[in-house]
């Protein structure tokens, strides 16, 4: 058993912690989306949004038992259902897009009839640096070169 332990720990010391655990993709969370939200790259190609599935939502005031079809997150997020004074319902949810962590990104977002250009710049995750140093420092070089220790701020619509 003692001879197997170094074999399990060896990959941790020969690669960066962020590279080993997170890989070469990073999630950028998008808050307060609705069904009309479209996210595109600088070339206009639509970026797929993840973390949603179809579900019915009941009217929030409880007076009517109508259901509204909406796309909402499948993961640990929240859904906001707001009923206006005219009886209409507005549903927002959180989701995420997947990007490469080694570069900055520009997104063109169409949301509620408006067009926004949003930039997200990579920031080094301090917890990855600490883990890389604790694992003999070789991972510090690998994660630094690959940029896999970078993180991005959420996009709030």
N, C-alpha and C. Protein backbone atom coordinates (compact mmCIF):
# COMPACT_ATOMS: atom_id res chain seq x y z
N UNK A 1 0.82 -1.20 0.00
CA UNK A 1 0.00 0.00 0.00
C UNK A 1 0.86 1.26 0.00
N UNK A 2 1.97 1.21 0.75
CA UNK A 2 2.84 2.39 0.81
C UNK A 2 3.51 2.65 -0.53
N UNK A 3 3.70 1.63 -1.33
CA UNK A 3 4.33 1.84 -2.64
C UNK A 3 3.35 2.41 -3.65
N UNK A 4 2.06 2.23 -3.44
CA UNK A 4 1.06 2.77 -4.37
C UNK A 4 0.77 4.25 -4.13
N UNK A 5 0.96 4.72 -2.91
CA UNK A 5 0.67 6.11 -2.58
C UNK A 5 1.46 7.10 -3.44
N UNK A 6 2.77 6.90 -3.62
CA UNK A 6 3.50 7.83 -4.50
C UNK A 6 2.99 7.83 -5.95
N UNK A 7 2.51 6.69 -6.42
CA UNK A 7 1.98 6.63 -7.78
C UNK A 7 0.72 7.48 -7.94
N UNK A 8 -0.10 7.54 -6.89
CA UNK A 8 -1.30 8.37 -6.93
C UNK A 8 -0.98 9.85 -6.79
N UNK A 9 0.06 10.18 -6.05
CA UNK A 9 0.43 11.57 -5.82
C UNK A 9 1.31 12.15 -6.94
N UNK A 10 1.96 11.30 -7.70
CA UNK A 10 2.88 11.74 -8.75
C UNK A 10 2.23 12.69 -9.77
N UNK A 11 1.04 12.39 -10.30
CA UNK A 11 0.44 13.34 -11.27
C UNK A 11 0.20 14.73 -10.68
N UNK A 12 -0.10 14.79 -9.38
CA UNK A 12 -0.33 16.08 -8.74
C UNK A 12 0.93 16.92 -8.73
N UNK A 13 2.09 16.29 -8.58
CA UNK A 13 3.35 17.02 -8.52
C UNK A 13 3.92 17.32 -9.90
N UNK A 14 3.49 16.60 -10.93
CA UNK A 14 4.04 16.81 -12.27
C UNK A 14 3.19 17.71 -13.15
N UNK A 15 2.03 18.10 -12.67
CA UNK A 15 1.18 19.01 -13.43
C UNK A 15 0.62 20.05 -12.49
N UNK A 16 0.04 21.08 -13.04
CA UNK A 16 -0.55 22.13 -12.21
C UNK A 16 -1.87 21.69 -11.62
N UNK A 17 -2.19 22.20 -10.44
CA UNK A 17 -3.44 21.83 -9.78
C UNK A 17 -4.65 22.26 -10.62
N UNK A 18 -4.63 23.46 -11.16
CA UNK A 18 -5.75 23.94 -11.96
C UNK A 18 -5.88 23.13 -13.25
N UNK A 19 -4.77 22.75 -13.84
CA UNK A 19 -4.79 21.95 -15.06
C UNK A 19 -5.36 20.57 -14.77
N UNK A 20 -4.97 19.99 -13.66
CA UNK A 20 -5.42 18.64 -13.30
C UNK A 20 -6.89 18.64 -12.89
N UNK A 21 -7.33 19.63 -12.14
CA UNK A 21 -8.69 19.62 -11.59
C UNK A 21 -9.70 20.30 -12.52
N UNK A 22 -9.37 21.47 -13.05
CA UNK A 22 -10.32 22.22 -13.88
C UNK A 22 -10.16 21.98 -15.38
N UNK A 23 -9.00 21.61 -15.82
CA UNK A 23 -8.77 21.39 -17.24
C UNK A 23 -8.60 22.68 -18.01
N UNK A 24 -8.87 22.62 -19.30
CA UNK A 24 -8.60 23.75 -20.20
C UNK A 24 -9.84 24.57 -20.53
N UNK A 25 -10.90 24.41 -19.75
CA UNK A 25 -12.11 25.20 -19.96
C UNK A 25 -12.55 25.81 -18.64
N UNK A 26 -13.16 26.98 -18.72
CA UNK A 26 -13.62 27.70 -17.54
C UNK A 26 -15.06 28.15 -17.76
N UNK A 27 -15.87 28.09 -16.72
CA UNK A 27 -17.25 28.56 -16.80
C UNK A 27 -17.32 30.05 -16.51
N UNK A 28 -18.12 30.75 -17.31
CA UNK A 28 -18.47 32.14 -17.03
C UNK A 28 -19.98 32.13 -16.77
N UNK A 29 -20.36 32.43 -15.55
CA UNK A 29 -21.77 32.41 -15.19
C UNK A 29 -22.47 33.66 -15.71
N UNK A 30 -23.66 33.47 -16.24
CA UNK A 30 -24.47 34.56 -16.78
C UNK A 30 -25.73 34.64 -15.90
N UNK A 31 -25.88 35.76 -15.21
CA UNK A 31 -26.99 35.95 -14.26
C UNK A 31 -28.15 36.70 -14.91
N UNK A 32 -29.35 36.39 -14.49
CA UNK A 32 -30.58 37.08 -14.90
C UNK A 32 -30.91 36.95 -16.38
N UNK A 33 -30.65 35.78 -16.95
CA UNK A 33 -31.01 35.55 -18.35
C UNK A 33 -32.51 35.32 -18.47
N UNK A 34 -33.03 35.46 -19.68
CA UNK A 34 -34.40 35.04 -19.97
C UNK A 34 -34.40 34.34 -21.32
N UNK A 35 -35.58 33.93 -21.78
CA UNK A 35 -35.65 33.13 -23.01
C UNK A 35 -35.22 33.90 -24.26
N UNK A 36 -35.21 35.23 -24.20
CA UNK A 36 -34.83 36.02 -25.37
C UNK A 36 -33.33 36.33 -25.42
N UNK A 37 -32.57 35.96 -24.39
CA UNK A 37 -31.15 36.29 -24.32
C UNK A 37 -30.35 35.45 -25.31
N UNK A 38 -29.52 36.12 -26.11
CA UNK A 38 -28.64 35.46 -27.06
C UNK A 38 -27.22 35.97 -26.82
N UNK A 39 -26.27 35.05 -26.69
CA UNK A 39 -24.87 35.42 -26.49
C UNK A 39 -24.08 34.98 -27.71
N UNK A 40 -23.30 35.91 -28.26
CA UNK A 40 -22.51 35.63 -29.46
C UNK A 40 -21.07 36.07 -29.24
N UNK A 41 -20.18 35.52 -30.04
CA UNK A 41 -18.79 35.92 -30.03
C UNK A 41 -18.58 37.14 -30.91
N UNK A 42 -17.34 37.64 -31.00
CA UNK A 42 -17.07 38.83 -31.80
C UNK A 42 -17.36 38.65 -33.29
N UNK A 43 -17.33 37.40 -33.76
CA UNK A 43 -17.62 37.13 -35.17
C UNK A 43 -19.11 36.94 -35.43
N UNK A 44 -19.93 37.02 -34.39
CA UNK A 44 -21.38 36.88 -34.54
C UNK A 44 -21.90 35.47 -34.34
N UNK A 45 -21.01 34.49 -34.17
CA UNK A 45 -21.47 33.12 -33.98
C UNK A 45 -22.06 32.96 -32.58
N UNK A 46 -23.19 32.28 -32.49
CA UNK A 46 -23.89 32.11 -31.22
C UNK A 46 -23.13 31.13 -30.33
N UNK A 47 -22.97 31.52 -29.07
CA UNK A 47 -22.27 30.69 -28.08
C UNK A 47 -23.32 29.89 -27.33
N UNK A 48 -23.14 28.56 -27.23
CA UNK A 48 -24.13 27.75 -26.50
C UNK A 48 -24.13 28.08 -25.01
N UNK A 49 -25.33 28.08 -24.42
CA UNK A 49 -25.52 28.34 -23.00
C UNK A 49 -25.88 27.03 -22.33
N UNK A 50 -25.23 26.72 -21.21
CA UNK A 50 -25.43 25.45 -20.52
C UNK A 50 -26.10 25.66 -19.16
N UNK A 51 -26.54 24.56 -18.58
CA UNK A 51 -27.10 24.60 -17.23
C UNK A 51 -28.58 24.90 -17.20
N UNK A 52 -29.31 24.57 -18.27
CA UNK A 52 -30.73 24.84 -18.30
C UNK A 52 -31.48 23.59 -18.75
N UNK A 53 -32.73 23.53 -18.39
CA UNK A 53 -33.63 22.51 -18.91
C UNK A 53 -35.06 23.04 -18.85
N UNK A 54 -35.96 22.40 -19.54
CA UNK A 54 -37.35 22.87 -19.58
C UNK A 54 -38.08 22.50 -18.30
N UNK A 55 -38.90 23.42 -17.81
CA UNK A 55 -39.68 23.18 -16.61
C UNK A 55 -40.86 24.14 -16.59
N UNK A 56 -41.94 23.75 -15.96
CA UNK A 56 -43.11 24.62 -15.85
C UNK A 56 -43.04 25.38 -14.53
N UNK A 57 -43.45 26.64 -14.56
CA UNK A 57 -43.42 27.50 -13.37
C UNK A 57 -44.83 28.01 -13.13
N UNK A 58 -45.32 27.90 -11.90
CA UNK A 58 -46.67 28.37 -11.58
C UNK A 58 -46.66 29.87 -11.33
N UNK A 59 -47.82 30.52 -11.49
CA UNK A 59 -47.96 31.95 -11.23
C UNK A 59 -47.60 32.24 -9.77
N UNK A 60 -46.80 33.28 -9.50
CA UNK A 60 -46.28 33.50 -8.15
C UNK A 60 -47.30 33.98 -7.13
N UNK A 61 -48.40 34.58 -7.56
CA UNK A 61 -49.35 35.11 -6.58
C UNK A 61 -50.28 34.04 -6.01
N UNK A 62 -50.32 32.88 -6.61
CA UNK A 62 -51.12 31.77 -6.11
C UNK A 62 -52.59 31.85 -6.48
N UNK A 63 -53.05 32.97 -7.03
CA UNK A 63 -54.47 33.11 -7.37
C UNK A 63 -54.84 32.27 -8.59
N UNK A 64 -53.92 32.15 -9.51
CA UNK A 64 -54.16 31.34 -10.70
C UNK A 64 -53.19 30.18 -10.70
N UNK A 65 -53.63 29.06 -11.18
CA UNK A 65 -52.77 27.89 -11.22
C UNK A 65 -52.24 27.65 -12.63
N UNK A 66 -52.15 28.72 -13.42
CA UNK A 66 -51.58 28.59 -14.76
C UNK A 66 -50.11 28.23 -14.64
N UNK A 67 -49.59 27.58 -15.63
CA UNK A 67 -48.16 27.29 -15.66
C UNK A 67 -47.56 27.96 -16.89
N UNK A 68 -46.32 28.34 -16.74
CA UNK A 68 -45.59 29.01 -17.81
C UNK A 68 -44.38 28.17 -18.17
N UNK A 69 -44.19 27.94 -19.43
CA UNK A 69 -43.04 27.16 -19.86
C UNK A 69 -41.80 28.05 -19.86
N UNK A 70 -40.75 27.58 -19.29
CA UNK A 70 -39.52 28.38 -19.21
C UNK A 70 -38.32 27.45 -19.25
N UNK A 71 -37.20 28.01 -19.63
CA UNK A 71 -35.93 27.29 -19.57
C UNK A 71 -35.22 27.79 -18.33
N UNK A 72 -34.93 26.91 -17.41
CA UNK A 72 -34.29 27.31 -16.16
C UNK A 72 -33.12 26.39 -15.87
N UNK A 73 -32.25 26.76 -14.93
CA UNK A 73 -31.03 26.01 -14.69
C UNK A 73 -31.27 24.61 -14.16
N UNK A 74 -30.36 23.74 -14.54
CA UNK A 74 -30.39 22.37 -14.04
C UNK A 74 -29.47 22.22 -12.84
N UNK A 75 -28.70 23.24 -12.53
CA UNK A 75 -27.72 23.14 -11.46
C UNK A 75 -28.06 24.06 -10.30
N UNK A 76 -27.08 24.36 -9.47
CA UNK A 76 -27.27 25.17 -8.27
C UNK A 76 -27.41 26.65 -8.62
N UNK A 77 -28.55 27.03 -9.10
CA UNK A 77 -28.83 28.43 -9.42
C UNK A 77 -30.22 28.75 -8.92
N UNK A 78 -30.68 29.94 -9.20
CA UNK A 78 -32.01 30.31 -8.76
C UNK A 78 -32.81 30.82 -9.94
N UNK A 79 -34.12 30.80 -9.77
CA UNK A 79 -35.04 31.30 -10.77
C UNK A 79 -35.86 32.40 -10.13
N UNK A 80 -36.04 33.51 -10.81
CA UNK A 80 -36.88 34.60 -10.32
C UNK A 80 -38.11 34.69 -11.20
N UNK A 81 -39.28 34.60 -10.59
CA UNK A 81 -40.54 34.72 -11.31
C UNK A 81 -41.24 35.97 -10.78
N UNK A 82 -41.47 36.96 -11.64
CA UNK A 82 -42.09 38.21 -11.24
C UNK A 82 -43.36 38.40 -12.06
N UNK A 83 -44.47 38.63 -11.36
CA UNK A 83 -45.72 38.89 -12.06
C UNK A 83 -46.00 40.39 -12.00
N UNK A 84 -46.21 41.01 -13.17
CA UNK A 84 -46.48 42.44 -13.18
C UNK A 84 -47.96 42.71 -12.92
N UNK A 85 -48.35 43.96 -12.81
CA UNK A 85 -49.72 44.32 -12.46
C UNK A 85 -50.73 43.96 -13.54
N UNK A 86 -50.27 43.69 -14.75
CA UNK A 86 -51.16 43.31 -15.84
C UNK A 86 -51.33 41.80 -15.95
N UNK A 87 -50.74 41.06 -15.05
CA UNK A 87 -50.87 39.60 -15.06
C UNK A 87 -49.79 38.89 -15.85
N UNK A 88 -48.89 39.64 -16.48
CA UNK A 88 -47.80 39.01 -17.21
C UNK A 88 -46.72 38.50 -16.28
N UNK A 89 -45.99 37.51 -16.71
CA UNK A 89 -44.95 36.92 -15.88
C UNK A 89 -43.61 37.07 -16.59
N UNK A 90 -42.61 37.51 -15.84
CA UNK A 90 -41.24 37.65 -16.35
C UNK A 90 -40.36 36.67 -15.58
N UNK A 91 -39.68 35.80 -16.29
CA UNK A 91 -38.86 34.76 -15.66
C UNK A 91 -37.40 34.98 -16.02
N UNK A 92 -36.53 35.02 -15.02
CA UNK A 92 -35.10 35.10 -15.26
C UNK A 92 -34.42 33.92 -14.57
N UNK A 93 -33.22 33.56 -15.03
CA UNK A 93 -32.49 32.43 -14.48
C UNK A 93 -31.00 32.63 -14.69
N UNK A 94 -30.22 31.79 -14.08
CA UNK A 94 -28.76 31.82 -14.23
C UNK A 94 -28.34 30.62 -15.07
N UNK A 95 -27.30 30.80 -15.85
CA UNK A 95 -26.74 29.73 -16.65
C UNK A 95 -25.24 30.00 -16.79
N UNK A 96 -24.56 29.28 -17.65
CA UNK A 96 -23.14 29.54 -17.86
C UNK A 96 -22.73 29.22 -19.28
N UNK A 97 -21.64 29.85 -19.70
CA UNK A 97 -21.01 29.55 -20.97
C UNK A 97 -19.60 29.04 -20.67
N UNK A 98 -19.01 28.33 -21.61
CA UNK A 98 -17.69 27.74 -21.41
C UNK A 98 -16.69 28.44 -22.32
N UNK A 99 -15.56 28.87 -21.74
CA UNK A 99 -14.53 29.59 -22.49
C UNK A 99 -13.15 29.03 -22.15
N UNK A 100 -12.17 29.40 -22.96
CA UNK A 100 -10.77 29.07 -22.65
C UNK A 100 -10.25 30.07 -21.61
N UNK A 101 -9.54 29.61 -20.59
CA UNK A 101 -9.11 30.53 -19.53
C UNK A 101 -7.85 31.32 -19.83
N UNK A 102 -7.19 31.07 -20.94
CA UNK A 102 -5.89 31.69 -21.18
C UNK A 102 -5.94 33.00 -21.96
N UNK A 103 -7.14 33.55 -22.19
CA UNK A 103 -7.24 34.79 -22.97
C UNK A 103 -8.47 35.58 -22.55
N UNK A 104 -8.49 36.85 -22.97
CA UNK A 104 -9.66 37.68 -22.71
C UNK A 104 -10.75 37.34 -23.73
N UNK A 105 -11.99 37.66 -23.39
CA UNK A 105 -13.11 37.31 -24.26
C UNK A 105 -14.04 38.51 -24.41
N UNK A 106 -14.60 38.64 -25.63
CA UNK A 106 -15.60 39.65 -25.90
C UNK A 106 -16.89 38.93 -26.28
N UNK A 107 -18.00 39.35 -25.68
CA UNK A 107 -19.29 38.76 -25.96
C UNK A 107 -20.24 39.85 -26.43
N UNK A 108 -21.06 39.53 -27.41
CA UNK A 108 -22.13 40.41 -27.85
C UNK A 108 -23.42 39.78 -27.34
N UNK A 109 -24.11 40.49 -26.45
CA UNK A 109 -25.29 39.93 -25.79
C UNK A 109 -26.52 40.72 -26.20
N UNK A 110 -27.51 40.00 -26.70
CA UNK A 110 -28.82 40.60 -27.00
C UNK A 110 -29.76 40.15 -25.89
N UNK A 111 -30.25 41.15 -25.13
CA UNK A 111 -31.08 40.85 -23.96
C UNK A 111 -32.17 41.91 -23.84
N UNK A 112 -33.42 41.48 -23.81
CA UNK A 112 -34.58 42.38 -23.68
C UNK A 112 -34.58 43.49 -24.74
N UNK A 113 -34.24 43.14 -25.97
CA UNK A 113 -34.28 44.10 -27.06
C UNK A 113 -33.06 45.00 -27.19
N UNK A 114 -32.12 44.91 -26.26
CA UNK A 114 -30.91 45.75 -26.31
C UNK A 114 -29.70 44.89 -26.66
N UNK A 115 -28.71 45.53 -27.23
CA UNK A 115 -27.47 44.85 -27.60
C UNK A 115 -26.34 45.42 -26.75
N UNK A 116 -25.61 44.54 -26.06
CA UNK A 116 -24.51 44.94 -25.18
C UNK A 116 -23.23 44.24 -25.61
N UNK A 117 -22.13 44.94 -25.51
CA UNK A 117 -20.82 44.32 -25.71
C UNK A 117 -20.16 44.20 -24.34
N UNK A 118 -19.79 42.99 -23.99
CA UNK A 118 -19.24 42.71 -22.67
C UNK A 118 -17.86 42.09 -22.83
N UNK A 119 -16.89 42.59 -22.07
CA UNK A 119 -15.54 42.04 -22.07
C UNK A 119 -15.30 41.34 -20.74
N UNK A 120 -14.63 40.20 -20.79
CA UNK A 120 -14.22 39.50 -19.58
C UNK A 120 -12.73 39.20 -19.68
N UNK A 121 -12.02 39.64 -18.65
CA UNK A 121 -10.57 39.49 -18.61
C UNK A 121 -10.19 38.44 -17.57
N UNK A 122 -9.21 37.59 -17.87
CA UNK A 122 -8.83 36.55 -16.91
C UNK A 122 -8.14 37.14 -15.69
N UNK A 123 -8.47 36.56 -14.53
CA UNK A 123 -7.82 36.93 -13.27
C UNK A 123 -7.30 35.65 -12.63
N UNK A 124 -6.11 35.74 -12.06
CA UNK A 124 -5.50 34.56 -11.45
C UNK A 124 -6.25 34.20 -10.17
N UNK A 125 -6.65 32.92 -10.07
CA UNK A 125 -7.29 32.43 -8.86
C UNK A 125 -6.24 32.16 -7.79
N UNK A 126 -6.29 32.90 -6.69
CA UNK A 126 -5.26 32.79 -5.64
C UNK A 126 -5.20 31.38 -5.05
N UNK A 127 -6.32 30.70 -4.96
CA UNK A 127 -6.31 29.36 -4.39
C UNK A 127 -5.50 28.39 -5.24
N UNK A 128 -5.49 28.59 -6.57
CA UNK A 128 -4.67 27.72 -7.43
C UNK A 128 -3.18 27.98 -7.20
N UNK A 129 -2.81 29.22 -7.02
CA UNK A 129 -1.40 29.55 -6.77
C UNK A 129 -0.93 28.90 -5.47
N UNK A 130 -1.74 28.99 -4.42
CA UNK A 130 -1.38 28.38 -3.14
C UNK A 130 -1.24 26.87 -3.28
N UNK A 131 -2.19 26.23 -3.95
CA UNK A 131 -2.10 24.78 -4.15
C UNK A 131 -0.87 24.39 -4.97
N UNK A 132 -0.56 25.18 -6.00
CA UNK A 132 0.62 24.89 -6.81
C UNK A 132 1.90 25.00 -5.99
N UNK A 133 1.98 25.98 -5.13
CA UNK A 133 3.17 26.14 -4.28
C UNK A 133 3.28 24.99 -3.29
N UNK A 134 2.13 24.58 -2.73
CA UNK A 134 2.13 23.49 -1.75
C UNK A 134 2.50 22.14 -2.37
N UNK A 135 2.33 22.00 -3.67
CA UNK A 135 2.67 20.74 -4.34
C UNK A 135 3.99 20.87 -5.09
N UNK A 136 4.99 21.38 -4.42
CA UNK A 136 6.38 21.43 -4.88
C UNK A 136 6.67 22.49 -5.92
N UNK A 137 5.71 23.29 -6.30
CA UNK A 137 5.98 24.44 -7.16
C UNK A 137 6.07 24.17 -8.65
N UNK A 138 6.15 22.91 -9.08
CA UNK A 138 6.23 22.63 -10.52
C UNK A 138 4.93 23.04 -11.20
N UNK A 139 3.81 22.81 -10.53
CA UNK A 139 2.51 23.19 -11.07
C UNK A 139 2.37 24.68 -11.28
N UNK A 140 3.10 25.46 -10.50
CA UNK A 140 3.09 26.92 -10.64
C UNK A 140 3.51 27.30 -12.06
N UNK A 141 4.53 26.65 -12.57
CA UNK A 141 5.03 26.94 -13.93
C UNK A 141 4.02 26.46 -14.97
N UNK A 142 3.50 25.25 -14.79
CA UNK A 142 2.57 24.68 -15.78
C UNK A 142 1.27 25.48 -15.84
N UNK A 143 0.67 25.78 -14.68
CA UNK A 143 -0.57 26.56 -14.69
C UNK A 143 -0.33 27.97 -15.19
N UNK A 144 0.85 28.52 -14.93
CA UNK A 144 1.17 29.85 -15.43
C UNK A 144 1.27 29.90 -16.94
N UNK A 145 1.88 28.89 -17.52
CA UNK A 145 2.03 28.84 -18.99
C UNK A 145 0.69 28.58 -19.66
N UNK A 146 -0.09 27.64 -19.13
CA UNK A 146 -1.37 27.29 -19.76
C UNK A 146 -2.48 28.30 -19.47
N UNK A 147 -2.35 29.04 -18.38
CA UNK A 147 -3.39 29.99 -17.99
C UNK A 147 -4.59 29.33 -17.33
N UNK A 148 -4.47 28.05 -17.00
CA UNK A 148 -5.61 27.33 -16.45
C UNK A 148 -5.99 27.77 -15.04
N UNK A 149 -5.16 28.55 -14.38
CA UNK A 149 -5.51 29.03 -13.04
C UNK A 149 -6.33 30.33 -13.09
N UNK A 150 -6.65 30.79 -14.29
CA UNK A 150 -7.44 32.01 -14.44
C UNK A 150 -8.92 31.77 -14.20
N UNK A 151 -9.60 32.82 -13.74
CA UNK A 151 -11.03 32.80 -13.52
C UNK A 151 -11.63 34.07 -14.11
N UNK A 152 -12.96 34.09 -14.27
CA UNK A 152 -13.64 35.23 -14.87
C UNK A 152 -14.77 35.70 -13.97
N UNK A 153 -15.06 37.00 -14.01
CA UNK A 153 -16.21 37.54 -13.30
C UNK A 153 -17.50 37.10 -13.98
N UNK A 154 -18.57 37.04 -13.21
CA UNK A 154 -19.89 36.73 -13.76
C UNK A 154 -20.36 37.85 -14.67
N UNK A 155 -21.23 37.51 -15.59
CA UNK A 155 -21.91 38.50 -16.43
C UNK A 155 -23.29 38.68 -15.83
N UNK A 156 -23.61 39.89 -15.41
CA UNK A 156 -24.91 40.18 -14.81
C UNK A 156 -25.71 41.02 -15.79
N UNK A 157 -26.85 40.52 -16.20
CA UNK A 157 -27.70 41.23 -17.17
C UNK A 157 -28.76 42.05 -16.46
